[in-house]
Amino acid sequence: MTTTQRLLLVEDEPTLRELLSASLRLAGFHVVPVETGAQALDSVRERHPDLIVLDVMLPDIDGFEVARRLRERPTTPGHAHPPILFLTARDAAEDRINGLRAGGDDYVTKPFNLEELVLRIQAVLRRTSGRRPDNRLAVGDLELDVDSHQVSRGGVPVPLSPTEFDLLRVLMENAGQVLSREQLLERVWHYDFGGDDSIVASYISYLRRKVDTGEPKLIHTVRGTGYVLRRPRP
């Protein structure tokens, strides 16, 4: 099945770049391959990809810094920040955490299984694209506009990565209801295979740092059960 979804592939190793480009095209994607961080930043501005497959160890700007710069940019009308899947040989837990903190939506280490990579790309795209309902969610002074992909707290904009946005949306849609890690993994990540539920705790932590910087705190942990976004008491 063909798709018009555009992938920006950022990989400096020529052989792997060619292999991935050909394989992802066979999987139905439109692939734009580049080899440096600077080229990636320019290409995102010009081409507005649906997803970025991003190597970490690049010859000029490392992938983590590329992701940070992209997340700090203001979005253009009609274009949200593209999700980022890191593809790298750096497999230490610290590297994975750094990648998620930089705004990554998934993290795949080399060597990798090509079929699994395609499944992970499809999973990220499912949870970050095609959602255009015209509605707004509000819990206390926290507001989320699903249509424009904007979040604010107390009238102050809160920049979120695509996955952070989707996680907050699910929590707000179920305000007052405790959701388990398994439920969040299913509703936000939509994995068709075994997912690591520790990623849920990581993203809850990232959300708290951005959304719960003041009082009252909205995101709560229910020990042994999961997480809940509670409406502030009057």
Protein backbone atom coordinates (compact mmCIF):
# COMPACT_ATOMS: atom_id res chain seq x y z
CA MET A 1 0.00 0.00 0.00
CA THR A 2 1.45 3.37 -0.96
CA THR A 3 1.45 6.45 1.20
CA THR A 4 2.25 10.10 0.72
CA GLN A 5 3.89 10.28 4.14
CA ARG A 6 7.29 11.95 3.91
CA LEU A 7 10.27 10.70 5.88
CA LEU A 8 13.43 12.74 6.37
CA LEU A 9 16.30 10.27 6.77
CA VAL A 10 19.39 11.77 8.45
CA GLU A 11 22.29 9.31 8.22
CA ASP A 12 25.93 10.12 7.40
CA GLU A 13 27.07 6.58 6.54
CA PRO A 14 26.54 6.28 2.74
CA THR A 15 25.89 2.54 2.51
CA LEU A 16 23.38 2.49 5.34
CA ARG A 17 21.71 5.66 4.03
CA GLU A 18 21.21 4.08 0.60
CA LEU A 19 19.97 0.81 2.10
CA LEU A 20 17.49 2.53 4.38
CA SER A 21 16.30 4.88 1.64
CA ALA A 22 15.57 1.98 -0.70
CA SER A 23 13.93 -0.15 2.01
CA LEU A 24 11.70 2.63 3.30
CA ARG A 25 10.63 3.52 -0.23
CA LEU A 26 9.69 -0.11 -0.78
CA ALA A 27 7.60 0.15 2.41
CA GLY A 28 5.65 2.96 0.71
CA PHE A 29 7.24 6.12 2.10
CA HIS A 30 8.54 9.16 0.27
CA VAL A 31 12.11 9.41 1.58
CA VAL A 32 14.37 12.47 1.59
CA PRO A 33 17.91 11.40 2.58
CA VAL A 34 20.45 13.88 4.01
CA GLU A 35 23.79 13.35 5.74
CA THR A 36 24.36 16.24 8.16
CA GLY A 37 22.52 17.99 10.96
CA ALA A 38 22.60 21.32 9.12
CA GLN A 39 20.99 19.72 6.05
CA ALA A 40 18.35 18.19 8.31
CA LEU A 41 17.44 21.58 9.84
CA ASP A 42 17.15 23.16 6.39
CA SER A 43 15.13 20.26 4.98
CA VAL A 44 12.60 20.34 7.81
CA ARG A 45 11.97 24.03 7.15
CA GLU A 46 11.59 23.51 3.41
CA ARG A 47 9.88 20.11 3.12
CA HIS A 48 7.84 19.70 6.34
CA PRO A 49 8.37 15.93 6.72
CA ASP A 50 5.84 13.76 8.54
CA LEU A 51 8.60 12.03 10.51
CA ILE A 52 12.38 12.27 10.94
CA VAL A 53 14.61 9.20 11.22
CA LEU A 54 17.63 10.76 12.90
CA ASP A 55 21.11 9.39 13.52
CA VAL A 56 22.83 10.73 16.63
CA MET A 57 26.49 10.68 15.61
CA LEU A 58 26.58 13.14 12.71
CA PRO A 59 29.67 14.92 11.33
CA ASP A 60 28.57 18.45 12.29
CA ILE A 61 25.72 18.72 14.81
CA ASP A 62 24.81 15.64 16.83
CA GLY A 63 21.28 14.33 16.53
CA PHE A 64 20.28 15.31 20.07
CA GLU A 65 21.14 18.94 19.34
CA VAL A 66 19.29 18.79 16.01
CA ALA A 67 16.19 17.59 17.87
CA ARG A 68 16.49 20.34 20.49
CA ARG A 69 16.81 23.05 17.84
CA LEU A 70 13.80 21.72 15.97
CA ARG A 71 11.65 21.63 19.11
CA GLU A 72 12.65 25.21 19.98
CA ARG A 73 11.56 26.56 16.60
CA PRO A 74 8.12 28.13 16.36
CA THR A 75 5.79 26.11 14.18
CA THR A 76 4.51 27.49 10.89
CA PRO A 77 0.74 27.67 10.24
CA GLY A 78 -0.63 24.25 9.36
CA HIS A 79 2.55 22.40 10.39
CA ALA A 80 3.23 20.85 13.79
CA HIS A 81 6.68 19.74 14.90
CA PRO A 82 7.46 16.44 13.13
CA PRO A 83 7.96 13.38 15.34
CA ILE A 84 11.53 12.10 15.65
CA LEU A 85 12.74 8.50 15.73
CA PHE A 86 16.40 8.23 16.74
CA LEU A 87 18.35 5.49 14.97
CA THR A 88 21.79 5.12 16.50
CA ALA A 89 24.57 2.83 17.69
CA ARG A 90 24.56 4.60 21.06
CA ASP A 91 22.66 2.09 23.19
CA ALA A 92 23.43 3.21 26.75
CA ALA A 93 20.45 3.98 28.97
CA GLU A 94 21.76 7.52 29.43
CA ASP A 95 21.76 8.06 25.65
CA ARG A 96 18.18 6.82 25.36
CA ILE A 97 17.10 9.17 28.15
CA ASN A 98 18.94 12.07 26.51
CA GLY A 99 17.22 11.31 23.23
CA LEU A 100 13.77 11.34 24.79
CA ARG A 101 14.54 14.52 26.70
CA ALA A 102 15.69 16.17 23.48
CA GLY A 103 12.23 15.55 22.02
CA GLY A 104 12.52 12.11 20.47
CA ASP A 105 9.39 9.99 20.11
CA ASP A 106 11.16 6.64 19.81
CA TYR A 107 14.72 5.33 20.03
CA VAL A 108 16.02 2.38 17.98
CA THR A 109 19.57 1.10 18.37
CA LYS A 110 21.87 -0.36 15.73
CA PRO A 111 22.05 -3.12 14.67
CA PHE A 112 18.30 -3.21 14.11
CA ASN A 113 15.67 -5.35 12.44
CA LEU A 114 14.37 -3.56 9.34
CA GLU A 115 10.83 -4.91 9.71
CA GLU A 116 10.69 -3.72 13.33
CA LEU A 117 12.00 -0.29 12.28
CA VAL A 118 9.17 0.04 9.75
CA LEU A 119 6.64 -1.02 12.41
CA ARG A 120 7.99 1.55 14.84
CA ILE A 121 7.84 4.29 12.21
CA GLN A 122 4.25 3.33 11.43
CA ALA A 123 3.39 3.31 15.15
CA VAL A 124 4.79 6.81 15.67
CA LEU A 125 2.96 8.10 12.59
CA ARG A 126 -0.33 6.56 13.74
CA ARG A 127 -0.23 8.36 17.04
CA THR A 128 0.93 11.72 15.67
CA SER A 129 -0.89 12.18 12.36
CA GLY A 130 -4.38 12.37 11.00
CA ARG A 131 -5.98 13.85 14.08
CA ARG A 132 -7.85 16.99 13.08
CA PRO A 133 -10.99 17.22 15.27
CA ASP A 134 -12.09 20.78 15.91
CA ASN A 135 -12.22 20.85 19.70
CA ARG A 136 -10.50 22.11 22.80
CA LEU A 137 -9.87 20.45 26.15
CA ALA A 138 -9.56 22.34 29.42
CA VAL A 139 -8.72 21.20 32.95
CA GLY A 140 -8.39 24.13 35.32
CA ASP A 141 -6.13 26.66 33.63
CA LEU A 142 -4.60 23.98 31.38
CA GLU A 143 -5.90 24.17 27.81
CA LEU A 144 -5.23 21.92 24.82
CA ASP A 145 -6.39 22.68 21.28
CA VAL A 146 -6.49 19.41 19.34
CA ASP A 147 -7.01 21.16 16.02
CA SER A 148 -4.10 23.62 16.22
CA HIS A 149 -1.91 21.30 18.34
CA GLN A 150 -1.33 24.07 20.91
CA VAL A 151 -1.15 23.78 24.72
CA SER A 152 -1.16 26.54 27.32
CA ARG A 153 -1.28 26.79 31.09
CA GLY A 154 -2.52 30.00 32.65
CA GLY A 155 -2.44 31.54 29.19
CA VAL A 156 1.28 30.79 28.74
CA PRO A 157 2.12 28.54 25.74
CA VAL A 158 3.64 25.16 26.64
CA PRO A 159 5.75 23.64 23.83
CA LEU A 160 5.38 19.86 23.66
CA SER A 161 6.76 17.14 21.42
CA PRO A 162 4.15 15.17 19.43
CA THR A 163 4.24 12.27 21.89
CA GLU A 164 4.04 14.57 24.92
CA PHE A 165 1.02 16.23 23.29
CA ASP A 166 -0.70 12.89 22.67
CA LEU A 167 -0.04 11.72 26.24
CA LEU A 168 -1.44 14.93 27.69
CA ARG A 169 -4.46 14.71 25.38
CA VAL A 170 -5.28 11.19 26.61
CA LEU A 171 -4.88 12.26 30.25
CA MET A 172 -7.12 15.31 29.72
CA GLU A 173 -9.76 13.33 27.83
CA ASN A 174 -9.88 11.00 30.86
CA ALA A 175 -9.50 13.63 33.59
CA GLY A 176 -10.23 12.12 36.99
CA GLN A 177 -9.79 8.56 35.73
CA VAL A 178 -6.71 6.55 36.72
CA LEU A 179 -5.00 5.06 33.66
CA SER A 180 -2.49 2.23 33.97
CA ARG A 181 0.84 2.19 32.17
CA GLU A 182 -0.54 -0.53 29.92
CA GLN A 183 -3.56 1.59 28.99
CA LEU A 184 -1.37 4.60 28.23
CA LEU A 185 1.06 2.49 26.22
CA GLU A 186 -1.84 1.21 24.13
CA ARG A 187 -3.67 4.54 23.69
CA VAL A 188 -0.64 6.78 23.10
CA TRP A 189 1.98 4.53 21.54
CA HIS A 190 -0.34 2.04 19.77
CA TYR A 191 2.41 -0.57 19.66
CA ASP A 192 1.53 -3.71 17.73
CA PHE A 193 4.30 -5.59 19.54
CA GLY A 194 5.73 -5.69 23.05
CA GLY A 195 6.41 -2.13 24.19
CA ASP A 196 8.62 -1.10 27.10
CA ASP A 197 6.26 0.45 29.66
CA SER A 198 9.13 2.37 31.30
CA ILE A 199 8.77 4.90 28.47
CA VAL A 200 5.42 5.92 30.02
CA ALA A 201 7.05 6.93 33.29
CA SER A 202 9.70 8.87 31.38
CA TYR A 203 7.14 10.86 29.43
CA ILE A 204 5.00 11.51 32.52
CA SER A 205 8.14 13.03 34.06
CA TYR A 206 8.74 15.22 30.98
CA LEU A 207 5.12 16.41 31.04
CA ARG A 208 5.31 17.33 34.70
CA ARG A 209 8.38 19.49 34.09
CA LYS A 210 6.49 21.45 31.44
CA VAL A 211 2.88 21.44 32.67
CA ASP A 212 3.17 21.23 36.47
CA THR A 213 5.78 23.91 37.10
CA GLY A 214 3.40 25.82 39.40
CA GLU A 215 0.42 25.07 41.61
CA PRO A 216 -1.90 23.29 41.72
CA LYS A 217 -0.29 20.10 40.44
CA LEU A 218 -2.53 18.33 37.96
CA ILE A 219 -0.68 15.08 37.08
CA HIS A 220 -0.64 12.54 39.91
CA THR A 221 0.83 9.06 40.39
CA VAL A 222 -1.42 6.41 41.92
CA ARG A 223 1.06 3.92 43.31
CA GLY A 224 0.66 0.42 41.99
CA THR A 225 -2.04 1.52 39.55
CA GLY A 226 -1.00 4.28 37.13
CA TYR A 227 -1.49 8.00 36.54
CA VAL A 228 -4.35 10.48 36.66
CA LEU A 229 -4.86 14.11 35.70
CA ARG A 230 -7.07 15.60 38.41
CA ARG A 231 -9.11 18.76 38.18
CA PRO A 232 -8.04 21.34 40.77
CA ARG A 233 -10.32 21.76 43.77
CA PRO A 234 -12.48 24.89 43.75
